[in-house]
């Protein structure tokens, strides 16, 4: 086995023009399905955890004026944040599934074209 030849082929593949490849189009479609769902999930999760943190700070009298009203308000805000964190994953799964349903036909059609070309 010639490792120099394998390395040279890997470099050629890295720098070759792949913009017209069907595999690249399939990867772009796959990213179009997954990236929006991931961006939404991370954003929603960060916001929910920040809300929970503010609620905990209010309830432990770290921020606010330390009255009982602020403590109760902090507990309510914290619970809202924790509920947001709990529903984040089911929302992500549902959002991802709806994106998969939207793009399924195009992805399957392109994947069968690619697999049909590889068999020939």
PDB file of N, CA and C in Angstrom:
ATOM      1  N   UNK A   1       0.851  -1.175   0.000  1.00  0.00           N
ATOM      2  CA  UNK A   1       0.000   0.000   0.000  1.00  0.00           C
ATOM      3  C   UNK A   1       0.898   1.240   0.000  1.00  0.00           C
ATOM      4  N   UNK A   2       0.637   2.125  -0.918  1.00  0.00           N
ATOM      5  CA  UNK A   2       1.427   3.343  -1.052  1.00  0.00           C
ATOM      6  C   UNK A   2       0.714   4.478  -0.322  1.00  0.00           C
ATOM      7  N   UNK A   3       1.232   4.880   0.822  1.00  0.00           N
ATOM      8  CA  UNK A   3       0.577   5.918   1.616  1.00  0.00           C
ATOM      9  C   UNK A   3       0.682   7.285   0.953  1.00  0.00           C
ATOM     10  N   UNK A   4       1.732   7.500   0.182  1.00  0.00           N
ATOM     11  CA  UNK A   4       1.862   8.786  -0.521  1.00  0.00           C
ATOM     12  C   UNK A   4       0.753   8.952  -1.550  1.00  0.00           C
ATOM     13  N   UNK A   5       0.404   7.871  -2.233  1.00  0.00           N
ATOM     14  CA  UNK A   5      -0.661   7.922  -3.228  1.00  0.00           C
ATOM     15  C   UNK A   5      -2.011   8.197  -2.550  1.00  0.00           C
ATOM     16  N   UNK A   6      -2.254   7.541  -1.424  1.00  0.00           N
ATOM     17  CA  UNK A   6      -3.512   7.748  -0.692  1.00  0.00           C
ATOM     18  C   UNK A   6      -3.605   9.182  -0.201  1.00  0.00           C
ATOM     19  N   UNK A   7      -2.481   9.695   0.318  1.00  0.00           N
ATOM     20  CA  UNK A   7      -2.457  11.084   0.796  1.00  0.00           C
ATOM     21  C   UNK A   7      -2.696  12.054  -0.354  1.00  0.00           C
ATOM     22  N   UNK A   8      -2.079  11.793  -1.500  1.00  0.00           N
ATOM     23  CA  UNK A   8      -2.260  12.667  -2.662  1.00  0.00           C
ATOM     24  C   UNK A   8      -3.706  12.654  -3.141  1.00  0.00           C
ATOM     25  N   UNK A   9      -4.332  11.486  -3.142  1.00  0.00           N
ATOM     26  CA  UNK A   9      -5.739  11.399  -3.558  1.00  0.00           C
ATOM     27  C   UNK A   9      -6.652  12.130  -2.579  1.00  0.00           C
ATOM     28  N   UNK A  10      -6.328  12.066  -1.291  1.00  0.00           N
ATOM     29  CA  UNK A  10      -7.128  12.781  -0.292  1.00  0.00           C
ATOM     30  C   UNK A  10      -7.011  14.289  -0.497  1.00  0.00           C
ATOM     31  N   UNK A  11      -5.827  14.768  -0.809  1.00  0.00           N
ATOM     32  CA  UNK A  11      -5.633  16.201  -1.067  1.00  0.00           C
ATOM     33  C   UNK A  11      -6.376  16.621  -2.318  1.00  0.00           C
ATOM     34  N   UNK A  12      -6.305  15.803  -3.372  1.00  0.00           N
ATOM     35  CA  UNK A  12      -7.014  16.123  -4.617  1.00  0.00           C
ATOM     36  C   UNK A  12      -8.517  16.179  -4.368  1.00  0.00           C
ATOM     37  N   UNK A  13      -9.041  15.226  -3.604  1.00  0.00           N
ATOM     38  CA  UNK A  13     -10.480  15.231  -3.290  1.00  0.00           C
ATOM     39  C   UNK A  13     -10.881  16.448  -2.474  1.00  0.00           C
ATOM     40  N   UNK A  14      -9.982  16.899  -1.601  1.00  0.00           N
ATOM     41  CA  UNK A  14     -10.286  18.059  -0.773  1.00  0.00           C
ATOM     42  C   UNK A  14     -10.375  19.338  -1.593  1.00  0.00           C
ATOM     43  N   UNK A  15      -9.520  19.457  -2.619  1.00  0.00           N
ATOM     44  CA  UNK A  15      -9.473  20.688  -3.398  1.00  0.00           C
ATOM     45  C   UNK A  15     -10.234  20.614  -4.716  1.00  0.00           C
ATOM     46  N   UNK A  16     -10.812  19.476  -5.046  1.00  0.00           N
ATOM     47  CA  UNK A  16     -11.555  19.376  -6.300  1.00  0.00           C
ATOM     48  C   UNK A  16     -12.887  20.105  -6.184  1.00  0.00           C
ATOM     49  N   UNK A  17     -13.426  20.513  -7.315  1.00  0.00           N
ATOM     50  CA  UNK A  17     -14.676  21.257  -7.361  1.00  0.00           C
ATOM     51  C   UNK A  17     -15.840  20.291  -7.135  1.00  0.00           C
ATOM     52  N   UNK A  18     -16.547  20.482  -6.041  1.00  0.00           N
ATOM     53  CA  UNK A  18     -17.652  19.588  -5.693  1.00  0.00           C
ATOM     54  C   UNK A  18     -19.002  20.295  -5.743  1.00  0.00           C
ATOM     55  N   UNK A  19     -19.062  21.461  -6.275  1.00  0.00           N
ATOM     56  CA  UNK A  19     -20.306  22.229  -6.225  1.00  0.00           C
ATOM     57  C   UNK A  19     -21.414  21.620  -7.062  1.00  0.00           C
ATOM     58  N   UNK A  20     -21.075  20.814  -8.072  1.00  0.00           N
ATOM     59  CA  UNK A  20     -22.117  20.239  -8.922  1.00  0.00           C
ATOM     60  C   UNK A  20     -22.452  18.806  -8.513  1.00  0.00           C
ATOM     61  N   UNK A  21     -21.834  18.312  -7.493  1.00  0.00           N
ATOM     62  CA  UNK A  21     -22.039  16.934  -7.082  1.00  0.00           C
ATOM     63  C   UNK A  21     -23.409  16.753  -6.428  1.00  0.00           C
ATOM     64  N   UNK A  22     -24.007  15.615  -6.674  1.00  0.00           N
ATOM     65  CA  UNK A  22     -25.297  15.308  -6.062  1.00  0.00           C
ATOM     66  C   UNK A  22     -25.142  15.020  -4.573  1.00  0.00           C
ATOM     67  N   UNK A  23     -23.979  14.513  -4.192  1.00  0.00           N
ATOM     68  CA  UNK A  23     -23.734  14.247  -2.778  1.00  0.00           C
ATOM     69  C   UNK A  23     -23.697  15.554  -1.999  1.00  0.00           C
ATOM     70  N   UNK A  24     -23.095  16.580  -2.582  1.00  0.00           N
ATOM     71  CA  UNK A  24     -23.052  17.893  -1.930  1.00  0.00           C
ATOM     72  C   UNK A  24     -24.469  18.452  -1.802  1.00  0.00           C
ATOM     73  N   UNK A  25     -25.280  18.270  -2.824  1.00  0.00           N
ATOM     74  CA  UNK A  25     -26.669  18.726  -2.760  1.00  0.00           C
ATOM     75  C   UNK A  25     -27.440  17.966  -1.679  1.00  0.00           C
ATOM     76  N   UNK A  26     -27.152  16.677  -1.546  1.00  0.00           N
ATOM     77  CA  UNK A  26     -27.807  15.878  -0.503  1.00  0.00           C
ATOM     78  C   UNK A  26     -27.394  16.356   0.888  1.00  0.00           C
ATOM     79  N   UNK A  27     -26.119  16.672   1.062  1.00  0.00           N
ATOM     80  CA  UNK A  27     -25.653  17.201   2.347  1.00  0.00           C
ATOM     81  C   UNK A  27     -26.300  18.552   2.659  1.00  0.00           C
ATOM     82  N   UNK A  28     -26.449  19.388   1.642  1.00  0.00           N
ATOM     83  CA  UNK A  28     -27.092  20.689   1.851  1.00  0.00           C
ATOM     84  C   UNK A  28     -28.548  20.518   2.263  1.00  0.00           C
ATOM     85  N   UNK A  29     -29.235  19.582   1.650  1.00  0.00           N
ATOM     86  CA  UNK A  29     -30.622  19.322   2.035  1.00  0.00           C
ATOM     87  C   UNK A  29     -30.703  18.790   3.465  1.00  0.00           C
ATOM     88  N   UNK A  30     -29.757  17.918   3.824  1.00  0.00           N
ATOM     89  CA  UNK A  30     -29.734  17.389   5.179  1.00  0.00           C
ATOM     90  C   UNK A  30     -29.495  18.507   6.185  1.00  0.00           C
ATOM     91  N   UNK A  31     -28.599  19.417   5.870  1.00  0.00           N
ATOM     92  CA  UNK A  31     -28.352  20.559   6.758  1.00  0.00           C
ATOM     93  C   UNK A  31     -29.566  21.478   6.810  1.00  0.00           C
ATOM     94  N   UNK A  32     -30.257  21.643   5.683  1.00  0.00           N
ATOM     95  CA  UNK A  32     -31.451  22.488   5.664  1.00  0.00           C
ATOM     96  C   UNK A  32     -32.540  21.931   6.568  1.00  0.00           C
ATOM     97  N   UNK A  33     -32.521  20.629   6.786  1.00  0.00           N
ATOM     98  CA  UNK A  33     -33.486  20.007   7.691  1.00  0.00           C
ATOM     99  C   UNK A  33     -33.065  20.206   9.140  1.00  0.00           C
ATOM    100  N   UNK A  34     -31.795  19.948   9.446  1.00  0.00           N
ATOM    101  CA  UNK A  34     -31.356  19.866  10.836  1.00  0.00           C
ATOM    102  C   UNK A  34     -30.938  21.194  11.460  1.00  0.00           C
ATOM    103  N   UNK A  35     -30.307  22.075  10.720  1.00  0.00           N
ATOM    104  CA  UNK A  35     -29.749  23.298  11.299  1.00  0.00           C
ATOM    105  C   UNK A  35     -30.818  24.209  11.905  1.00  0.00           C
ATOM    106  N   UNK A  36     -31.940  24.507  11.221  1.00  0.00           N
ATOM    107  CA  UNK A  36     -32.937  25.383  11.856  1.00  0.00           C
ATOM    108  C   UNK A  36     -33.496  24.815  13.163  1.00  0.00           C
ATOM    109  N   UNK A  37     -33.693  23.502  13.206  1.00  0.00           N
ATOM    110  CA  UNK A  37     -34.199  22.889  14.438  1.00  0.00           C
ATOM    111  C   UNK A  37     -33.171  23.005  15.558  1.00  0.00           C
ATOM    112  N   UNK A  38     -31.894  22.812  15.240  1.00  0.00           N
ATOM    113  CA  UNK A  38     -30.860  22.917  16.263  1.00  0.00           C
ATOM    114  C   UNK A  38     -30.692  24.352  16.749  1.00  0.00           C
ATOM    115  N   UNK A  39     -30.737  25.299  15.834  1.00  0.00           N
ATOM    116  CA  UNK A  39     -30.605  26.712  16.226  1.00  0.00           C
ATOM    117  C   UNK A  39     -31.752  27.106  17.151  1.00  0.00           C
ATOM    118  N   UNK A  40     -32.969  26.715  16.781  1.00  0.00           N
ATOM    119  CA  UNK A  40     -34.108  27.032  17.636  1.00  0.00           C
ATOM    120  C   UNK A  40     -33.961  26.390  19.010  1.00  0.00           C
ATOM    121  N   UNK A  41     -33.548  25.134  19.045  1.00  0.00           N
ATOM    122  CA  UNK A  41     -33.439  24.414  20.316  1.00  0.00           C
ATOM    123  C   UNK A  41     -32.396  25.037  21.226  1.00  0.00           C
ATOM    124  N   UNK A  42     -31.237  25.352  20.672  1.00  0.00           N
ATOM    125  CA  UNK A  42     -30.198  25.971  21.500  1.00  0.00           C
ATOM    126  C   UNK A  42     -30.644  27.340  22.003  1.00  0.00           C
ATOM    127  N   UNK A  43     -31.251  28.125  21.138  1.00  0.00           N
ATOM    128  CA  UNK A  43     -31.706  29.457  21.540  1.00  0.00           C
ATOM    129  C   UNK A  43     -32.777  29.365  22.617  1.00  0.00           C
ATOM    130  N   UNK A  44     -33.767  28.514  22.405  1.00  0.00           N
ATOM    131  CA  UNK A  44     -34.842  28.354  23.376  1.00  0.00           C
ATOM    132  C   UNK A  44     -34.313  27.816  24.696  1.00  0.00           C
ATOM    133  N   UNK A  45     -33.391  26.876  24.647  1.00  0.00           N
ATOM    134  CA  UNK A  45     -32.821  26.312  25.868  1.00  0.00           C
ATOM    135  C   UNK A  45     -32.017  27.327  26.657  1.00  0.00           C
ATOM    136  N   UNK A  46     -31.239  28.144  25.955  1.00  0.00           N
ATOM    137  CA  UNK A  46     -30.455  29.173  26.635  1.00  0.00           C
ATOM    138  C   UNK A  46     -31.376  30.196  27.296  1.00  0.00           C
ATOM    139  N   UNK A  47     -32.403  30.622  26.567  1.00  0.00           N
ATOM    140  CA  UNK A  47     -33.333  31.603  27.127  1.00  0.00           C
ATOM    141  C   UNK A  47     -34.066  31.017  28.336  1.00  0.00           C
ATOM    142  N   UNK A  48     -34.497  29.753  28.230  1.00  0.00           N
ATOM    143  CA  UNK A  48     -35.212  29.119  29.349  1.00  0.00           C
ATOM    144  C   UNK A  48     -34.304  28.974  30.564  1.00  0.00           C
ATOM    145  N   UNK A  49     -33.043  28.628  30.352  1.00  0.00           N
ATOM    146  CA  UNK A  49     -32.140  28.485  31.505  1.00  0.00           C
ATOM    147  C   UNK A  49     -31.811  29.836  32.119  1.00  0.00           C
ATOM    148  N   UNK A  50     -31.734  30.876  31.309  1.00  0.00           N
ATOM    149  CA  UNK A  50     -31.518  32.216  31.873  1.00  0.00           C
ATOM    150  C   UNK A  50     -32.728  32.667  32.697  1.00  0.00           C
ATOM    151  N   UNK A  51     -33.920  32.360  32.207  1.00  0.00           N
ATOM    152  CA  UNK A  51     -35.130  32.702  32.964  1.00  0.00           C
ATOM    153  C   UNK A  51     -35.148  31.942  34.287  1.00  0.00           C
ATOM    154  N   UNK A  52     -34.778  30.658  34.248  1.00  0.00           N
ATOM    155  CA  UNK A  52     -34.733  29.878  35.491  1.00  0.00           C
ATOM    156  C   UNK A  52     -33.686  30.444  36.449  1.00  0.00           C
ATOM    157  N   UNK A  53     -32.562  30.881  35.920  1.00  0.00           N
ATOM    158  CA  UNK A  53     -31.525  31.472  36.760  1.00  0.00           C
ATOM    159  C   UNK A  53     -31.958  32.765  37.410  1.00  0.00           C
ATOM    160  N   UNK A  54     -32.660  33.595  36.656  1.00  0.00           N
ATOM    161  CA  UNK A  54     -33.177  34.845  37.230  1.00  0.00           C
ATOM    162  C   UNK A  54     -34.187  34.527  38.320  1.00  0.00           C
ATOM    163  N   UNK A  55     -35.029  33.532  38.070  1.00  0.00           N
ATOM    164  CA  UNK A  55     -36.004  33.137  39.086  1.00  0.00           C
ATOM    165  C   UNK A  55     -35.332  32.630  40.347  1.00  0.00           C
ATOM    166  N   UNK A  56     -34.267  31.849  40.189  1.00  0.00           N
ATOM    167  CA  UNK A  56     -33.551  31.358  41.378  1.00  0.00           C
ATOM    168  C   UNK A  56     -32.880  32.502  42.130  1.00  0.00           C
ATOM    169  N   UNK A  57     -32.316  33.452  41.397  1.00  0.00           N
ATOM    170  CA  UNK A  57     -31.684  34.601  42.058  1.00  0.00           C
ATOM    171  C   UNK A  57     -32.709  35.434  42.814  1.00  0.00           C
ATOM    172  N   UNK A  58     -33.878  35.617  42.234  1.00  0.00           N
ATOM    173  CA  UNK A  58     -34.932  36.359  42.928  1.00  0.00           C
ATOM    174  C   UNK A  58     -35.408  35.617  44.170  1.00  0.00           C
ATOM    175  N   UNK A  59     -35.569  34.302  44.048  1.00  0.00           N
ATOM    176  CA  UNK A  59     -36.098  33.551  45.199  1.00  0.00           C
ATOM    177  C   UNK A  59     -35.068  33.409  46.311  1.00  0.00           C
ATOM    178  N   UNK A  60     -33.788  33.450  45.984  1.00  0.00           N
ATOM    179  CA  UNK A  60     -32.758  33.358  47.028  1.00  0.00           C
ATOM    180  C   UNK A  60     -32.306  34.738  47.508  1.00  0.00           C
ATOM    181  N   UNK A  61     -33.000  35.754  47.053  1.00  0.00           N
ATOM    182  CA  UNK A  61     -32.772  37.131  47.474  1.00  0.00           C
ATOM    183  C   UNK A  61     -31.376  37.648  47.095  1.00  0.00           C
ATOM    184  N   UNK A  62     -30.841  37.136  45.974  1.00  0.00           N
ATOM    185  CA  UNK A  62     -29.567  37.647  45.459  1.00  0.00           C
ATOM    186  C   UNK A  62     -29.808  38.955  44.723  1.00  0.00           C
ATOM    187  N   UNK A  63     -30.888  39.000  43.948  1.00  0.00           N
ATOM    188  CA  UNK A  63     -31.299  40.248  43.311  1.00  0.00           C
ATOM    189  C   UNK A  63     -32.681  40.606  43.831  1.00  0.00           C
ATOM    190  N   UNK A  64     -33.071  41.817  43.642  1.00  0.00           N
ATOM    191  CA  UNK A  64     -34.344  42.291  44.185  1.00  0.00           C
ATOM    192  C   UNK A  64     -34.142  42.879  45.569  1.00  0.00           C
ATOM    193  N   UNK A  65     -35.228  43.305  46.171  1.00  0.00           N
ATOM    194  CA  UNK A  65     -35.097  43.954  47.478  1.00  0.00           C
ATOM    195  C   UNK A  65     -35.250  42.991  48.654  1.00  0.00           C
ATOM    196  N   UNK A  66     -35.418  41.686  48.395  1.00  0.00           N
ATOM    197  CA  UNK A  66     -35.432  40.701  49.466  1.00  0.00           C
ATOM    198  C   UNK A  66     -36.750  40.522  50.171  1.00  0.00           C
ATOM    199  N   UNK A  67     -37.811  41.029  49.606  1.00  0.00           N
ATOM    200  CA  UNK A  67     -39.109  40.856  50.251  1.00  0.00           C
ATOM    201  C   UNK A  67     -39.704  39.503  49.876  1.00  0.00           C
ATOM    202  N   UNK A  68     -40.742  39.134  50.582  1.00  0.00           N
ATOM    203  CA  UNK A  68     -41.420  37.870  50.315  1.00  0.00           C
ATOM    204  C   UNK A  68     -42.077  37.882  48.939  1.00  0.00           C
ATOM    205  N   UNK A  69     -42.553  39.023  48.509  1.00  0.00           N
ATOM    206  CA  UNK A  69     -43.178  39.132  47.188  1.00  0.00           C
ATOM    207  C   UNK A  69     -42.165  38.818  46.086  1.00  0.00           C
ATOM    208  N   UNK A  70     -40.935  39.321  46.233  1.00  0.00           N
ATOM    209  CA  UNK A  70     -39.907  39.023  45.241  1.00  0.00           C
ATOM    210  C   UNK A  70     -39.531  37.541  45.273  1.00  0.00           C
ATOM    211  N   UNK A  71     -39.548  36.938  46.467  1.00  0.00           N
ATOM    212  CA  UNK A  71     -39.237  35.518  46.569  1.00  0.00           C
ATOM    213  C   UNK A  71     -40.304  34.678  45.863  1.00  0.00           C
ATOM    214  N   UNK A  72     -41.561  35.005  46.077  1.00  0.00           N
ATOM    215  CA  UNK A  72     -42.654  34.287  45.408  1.00  0.00           C
ATOM    216  C   UNK A  72     -42.592  34.508  43.905  1.00  0.00           C
ATOM    217  N   UNK A  73     -42.338  35.745  43.494  1.00  0.00           N
ATOM    218  CA  UNK A  73     -42.194  36.049  42.064  1.00  0.00           C
ATOM    219  C   UNK A  73     -41.023  35.270  41.477  1.00  0.00           C
ATOM    220  N   UNK A  74     -39.930  35.154  42.221  1.00  0.00           N
ATOM    221  CA  UNK A  74     -38.771  34.390  41.757  1.00  0.00           C
ATOM    222  C   UNK A  74     -39.069  32.920  41.581  1.00  0.00           C
ATOM    223  N   UNK A  75     -39.853  32.369  42.496  1.00  0.00           N
ATOM    224  CA  UNK A  75     -40.240  30.961  42.378  1.00  0.00           C
ATOM    225  C   UNK A  75     -41.080  30.752  41.128  1.00  0.00           C
ATOM    226  N   UNK A  76     -42.002  31.655  40.876  1.00  0.00           N
ATOM    227  CA  UNK A  76     -42.862  31.549  39.691  1.00  0.00           C
ATOM    228  C   UNK A  76     -42.026  31.658  38.415  1.00  0.00           C
ATOM    229  N   UNK A  77     -41.120  32.638  38.386  1.00  0.00           N
ATOM    230  CA  UNK A  77     -40.261  32.815  37.208  1.00  0.00           C
ATOM    231  C   UNK A  77     -39.359  31.597  37.024  1.00  0.00           C
ATOM    232  N   UNK A  78     -38.820  31.077  38.120  1.00  0.00           N
ATOM    233  CA  UNK A  78     -37.970  29.890  38.038  1.00  0.00           C
ATOM    234  C   UNK A  78     -38.705  28.682  37.506  1.00  0.00           C
ATOM    235  N   UNK A  79     -39.930  28.490  37.968  1.00  0.00           N
ATOM    236  CA  UNK A  79     -40.727  27.362  37.478  1.00  0.00           C
ATOM    237  C   UNK A  79     -41.014  27.514  35.993  1.00  0.00           C
ATOM    238  N   UNK A  80     -41.285  28.728  35.550  1.00  0.00           N
ATOM    239  CA  UNK A  80     -41.502  28.965  34.112  1.00  0.00           C
ATOM    240  C   UNK A  80     -40.246  28.594  33.325  1.00  0.00           C
ATOM    241  N   UNK A  81     -39.083  28.968  33.826  1.00  0.00           N
ATOM    242  CA  UNK A  81     -37.829  28.619  33.168  1.00  0.00           C
ATOM    243  C   UNK A  81     -37.595  27.119  33.132  1.00  0.00           C
ATOM    244  N   UNK A  82     -37.884  26.431  34.247  1.00  0.00           N
ATOM    245  CA  UNK A  82     -37.705  24.982  34.288  1.00  0.00           C
ATOM    246  C   UNK A  82     -38.679  24.272  33.357  1.00  0.00           C
ATOM    247  N   UNK A  83     -39.894  24.771  33.263  1.00  0.00           N
ATOM    248  CA  UNK A  83     -40.871  24.191  32.325  1.00  0.00           C
ATOM    249  C   UNK A  83     -40.374  24.387  30.893  1.00  0.00           C
ATOM    250  N   UNK A  84     -39.823  25.560  30.607  1.00  0.00           N
ATOM    251  CA  UNK A  84     -39.257  25.798  29.274  1.00  0.00           C
ATOM    252  C   UNK A  84     -38.134  24.837  28.947  1.00  0.00           C
ATOM    253  N   UNK A  85     -37.284  24.550  29.930  1.00  0.00           N
ATOM    254  CA  UNK A  85     -36.207  23.588  29.701  1.00  0.00           C
ATOM    255  C   UNK A  85     -36.744  22.178  29.511  1.00  0.00           C
ATOM    256  N   UNK A  86     -37.802  21.840  30.224  1.00  0.00           N
ATOM    257  CA  UNK A  86     -38.374  20.493  30.111  1.00  0.00           C
ATOM    258  C   UNK A  86     -39.054  20.260  28.764  1.00  0.00           C
ATOM    259  N   UNK A  87     -39.693  21.259  28.216  1.00  0.00           N
ATOM    260  CA  UNK A  87     -40.398  21.080  26.946  1.00  0.00           C
ATOM    261  C   UNK A  87     -39.491  21.331  25.736  1.00  0.00           C
ATOM    262  N   UNK A  88     -38.260  21.710  25.973  1.00  0.00           N
ATOM    263  CA  UNK A  88     -37.356  22.023  24.866  1.00  0.00           C
ATOM    264  C   UNK A  88     -37.115  20.805  23.974  1.00  0.00           C
ATOM    265  N   UNK A  89     -36.811  19.660  24.549  1.00  0.00           N
ATOM    266  CA  UNK A  89     -36.524  18.474  23.740  1.00  0.00           C
ATOM    267  C   UNK A  89     -37.750  17.991  22.956  1.00  0.00           C
ATOM    268  N   UNK A  90     -38.935  17.890  23.566  1.00  0.00           N
ATOM    269  CA  UNK A  90     -40.096  17.494  22.746  1.00  0.00           C
ATOM    270  C   UNK A  90     -40.391  18.493  21.618  1.00  0.00           C
ATOM    271  N   UNK A  91     -40.201  19.777  21.872  1.00  0.00           N
ATOM    272  CA  UNK A  91     -40.391  20.770  20.805  1.00  0.00           C
ATOM    273  C   UNK A  91     -39.383  20.532  19.694  1.00  0.00           C
ATOM    274  N   UNK A  92     -38.128  20.245  20.066  1.00  0.00           N
ATOM    275  CA  UNK A  92     -37.084  19.974  19.070  1.00  0.00           C
ATOM    276  C   UNK A  92     -37.449  18.765  18.227  1.00  0.00           C
ATOM    277  N   UNK A  93     -37.875  17.676  18.867  1.00  0.00           N
ATOM    278  CA  UNK A  93     -38.219  16.467  18.120  1.00  0.00           C
ATOM    279  C   UNK A  93     -39.366  16.717  17.148  1.00  0.00           C
ATOM    280  N   UNK A  94     -40.381  17.464  17.601  1.00  0.00           N
ATOM    281  CA  UNK A  94     -41.519  17.750  16.736  1.00  0.00           C
ATOM    282  C   UNK A  94     -41.117  18.675  15.574  1.00  0.00           C
ATOM    283  N   UNK A  95     -40.299  19.674  15.871  1.00  0.00           N
ATOM    284  CA  UNK A  95     -39.832  20.612  14.847  1.00  0.00           C
ATOM    285  C   UNK A  95     -38.967  19.885  13.820  1.00  0.00           C
ATOM    286  N   UNK A  96     -38.073  19.011  14.290  1.00  0.00           N
ATOM    287  CA  UNK A  96     -37.220  18.247  13.389  1.00  0.00           C
ATOM    288  C   UNK A  96     -38.042  17.300  12.533  1.00  0.00           C
ATOM    289  N   UNK A  97     -39.040  16.659  13.123  1.00  0.00           N
ATOM    290  CA  UNK A  97     -39.877  15.744  12.356  1.00  0.00           C
ATOM    291  C   UNK A  97     -40.677  16.476  11.283  1.00  0.00           C
ATOM    292  N   UNK A  98     -41.153  17.670  11.599  1.00  0.00           N
ATOM    293  CA  UNK A  98     -41.889  18.426  10.580  1.00  0.00           C
ATOM    294  C   UNK A  98     -40.967  18.848   9.438  1.00  0.00           C
ATOM    295  N   UNK A  99     -39.719  19.191   9.760  1.00  0.00           N
ATOM    296  CA  UNK A  99     -38.743  19.532   8.710  1.00  0.00           C
ATOM    297  C   UNK A  99     -38.393  18.298   7.879  1.00  0.00           C
ATOM    298  N   UNK A 100     -38.276  17.139   8.531  1.00  0.00           N
ATOM    299  CA  UNK A 100     -37.995  15.913   7.791  1.00  0.00           C
ATOM    300  C   UNK A 100     -39.143  15.575   6.855  1.00  0.00           C
ATOM    301  N   UNK A 101     -40.370  15.741   7.325  1.00  0.00           N
ATOM    302  CA  UNK A 101     -41.524  15.473   6.471  1.00  0.00           C
ATOM    303  C   UNK A 101     -41.564  16.419   5.283  1.00  0.00           C
ATOM    304  N   UNK A 102     -41.152  17.649   5.490  1.00  0.00           N
ATOM    305  CA  UNK A 102     -41.171  18.648   4.429  1.00  0.00           C
ATOM    306  C   UNK A 102     -40.160  18.312   3.330  1.00  0.00           C
ATOM    307  N   UNK A 103     -38.974  17.853   3.714  1.00  0.00           N
ATOM    308  CA  UNK A 103     -37.902  17.616   2.749  1.00  0.00           C
ATOM    309  C   UNK A 103     -37.713  16.144   2.393  1.00  0.00           C
ATOM    310  N   UNK A 104     -38.531  15.250   2.907  1.00  0.00           N
ATOM    311  CA  UNK A 104     -38.328  13.813   2.709  1.00  0.00           C
ATOM    312  C   UNK A 104     -38.337  13.418   1.233  1.00  0.00           C
ATOM    313  N   UNK A 105     -39.265  13.929   0.481  1.00  0.00           N
ATOM    314  CA  UNK A 105     -39.354  13.561  -0.931  1.00  0.00           C
ATOM    315  C   UNK A 105     -38.104  13.922  -1.712  1.00  0.00           C
ATOM    316  N   UNK A 106     -37.616  15.136  -1.525  1.00  0.00           N
ATOM    317  CA  UNK A 106     -36.416  15.573  -2.241  1.00  0.00           C
ATOM    318  C   UNK A 106     -35.197  14.763  -1.832  1.00  0.00           C
ATOM    319  N   UNK A 107     -35.052  14.503  -0.537  1.00  0.00           N
ATOM    320  CA  UNK A 107     -33.884  13.768  -0.051  1.00  0.00           C
ATOM    321  C   UNK A 107     -33.914  12.325  -0.544  1.00  0.00           C
ATOM    322  N   UNK A 108     -35.060  11.686  -0.479  1.00  0.00           N
ATOM    323  CA  UNK A 108     -35.162  10.296  -0.928  1.00  0.00           C
ATOM    324  C   UNK A 108     -34.927  10.201  -2.430  1.00  0.00           C
ATOM    325  N   UNK A 109     -35.477  11.134  -3.190  1.00  0.00           N
ATOM    326  CA  UNK A 109     -35.296  11.127  -4.642  1.00  0.00           C
ATOM    327  C   UNK A 109     -33.819  11.286  -5.007  1.00  0.00           C
ATOM    328  N   UNK A 110     -33.147  12.231  -4.348  1.00  0.00           N
ATOM    329  CA  UNK A 110     -31.733  12.461  -4.635  1.00  0.00           C
ATOM    330  C   UNK A 110     -30.872  11.291  -4.166  1.00  0.00           C
ATOM    331  N   UNK A 111     -31.197  10.712  -3.019  1.00  0.00           N
ATOM    332  CA  UNK A 111     -30.421   9.577  -2.511  1.00  0.00           C
ATOM    333  C   UNK A 111     -30.568   8.358  -3.413  1.00  0.00           C
ATOM    334  N   UNK A 112     -31.759   8.128  -3.957  1.00  0.00           N
ATOM    335  CA  UNK A 112     -31.929   6.990  -4.870  1.00  0.00           C
ATOM    336  C   UNK A 112     -31.189   7.226  -6.178  1.00  0.00           C
ATOM    337  N   UNK A 113     -31.133   8.477  -6.634  1.00  0.00           N
ATOM    338  CA  UNK A 113     -30.330   8.775  -7.833  1.00  0.00           C
ATOM    339  C   UNK A 113     -28.863   8.481  -7.584  1.00  0.00           C
ATOM    340  N   UNK A 114     -28.373   8.888  -6.418  1.00  0.00           N
ATOM    341  CA  UNK A 114     -26.964   8.662  -6.103  1.00  0.00           C
ATOM    342  C   UNK A 114     -26.672   7.175  -5.968  1.00  0.00           C
ATOM    343  N   UNK A 115     -27.537   6.450  -5.270  1.00  0.00           N
ATOM    344  CA  UNK A 115     -27.291   5.011  -5.097  1.00  0.00           C
ATOM    345  C   UNK A 115     -27.459   4.256  -6.410  1.00  0.00           C
ATOM    346  N   UNK A 116     -28.332   4.736  -7.289  1.00  0.00           N
ATOM    347  CA  UNK A 116     -28.485   4.120  -8.609  1.00  0.00           C
ATOM    348  C   UNK A 116     -27.274   4.329  -9.483  1.00  0.00           C
ATOM    349  N   UNK A 117     -26.617   5.490  -9.370  1.00  0.00           N
ATOM    350  CA  UNK A 117     -25.414   5.764 -10.146  1.00  0.00           C
ATOM    351  C   UNK A 117     -24.247   4.926  -9.659  1.00  0.00           C
ATOM    352  N   UNK A 118     -24.184   4.676  -8.343  1.00  0.00           N
ATOM    353  CA  UNK A 118     -23.069   3.914  -7.795  1.00  0.00           C
ATOM    354  C   UNK A 118     -23.150   2.434  -8.178  1.00  0.00           C
ATOM    355  N   UNK A 119     -24.356   1.911  -8.427  1.00  0.00           N
ATOM    356  CA  UNK A 119     -24.517   0.499  -8.795  1.00  0.00           C
ATOM    357  C   UNK A 119     -24.156   0.267 -10.240  1.00  0.00           C
ATOM    358  N   UNK A 120     -24.285   1.274 -11.089  1.00  0.00           N
ATOM    359  CA  UNK A 120     -24.039   1.107 -12.527  1.00  0.00           C
ATOM    360  C   UNK A 120     -22.585   0.942 -12.835  1.00  0.00           C
TER     361      UNK A 120
END
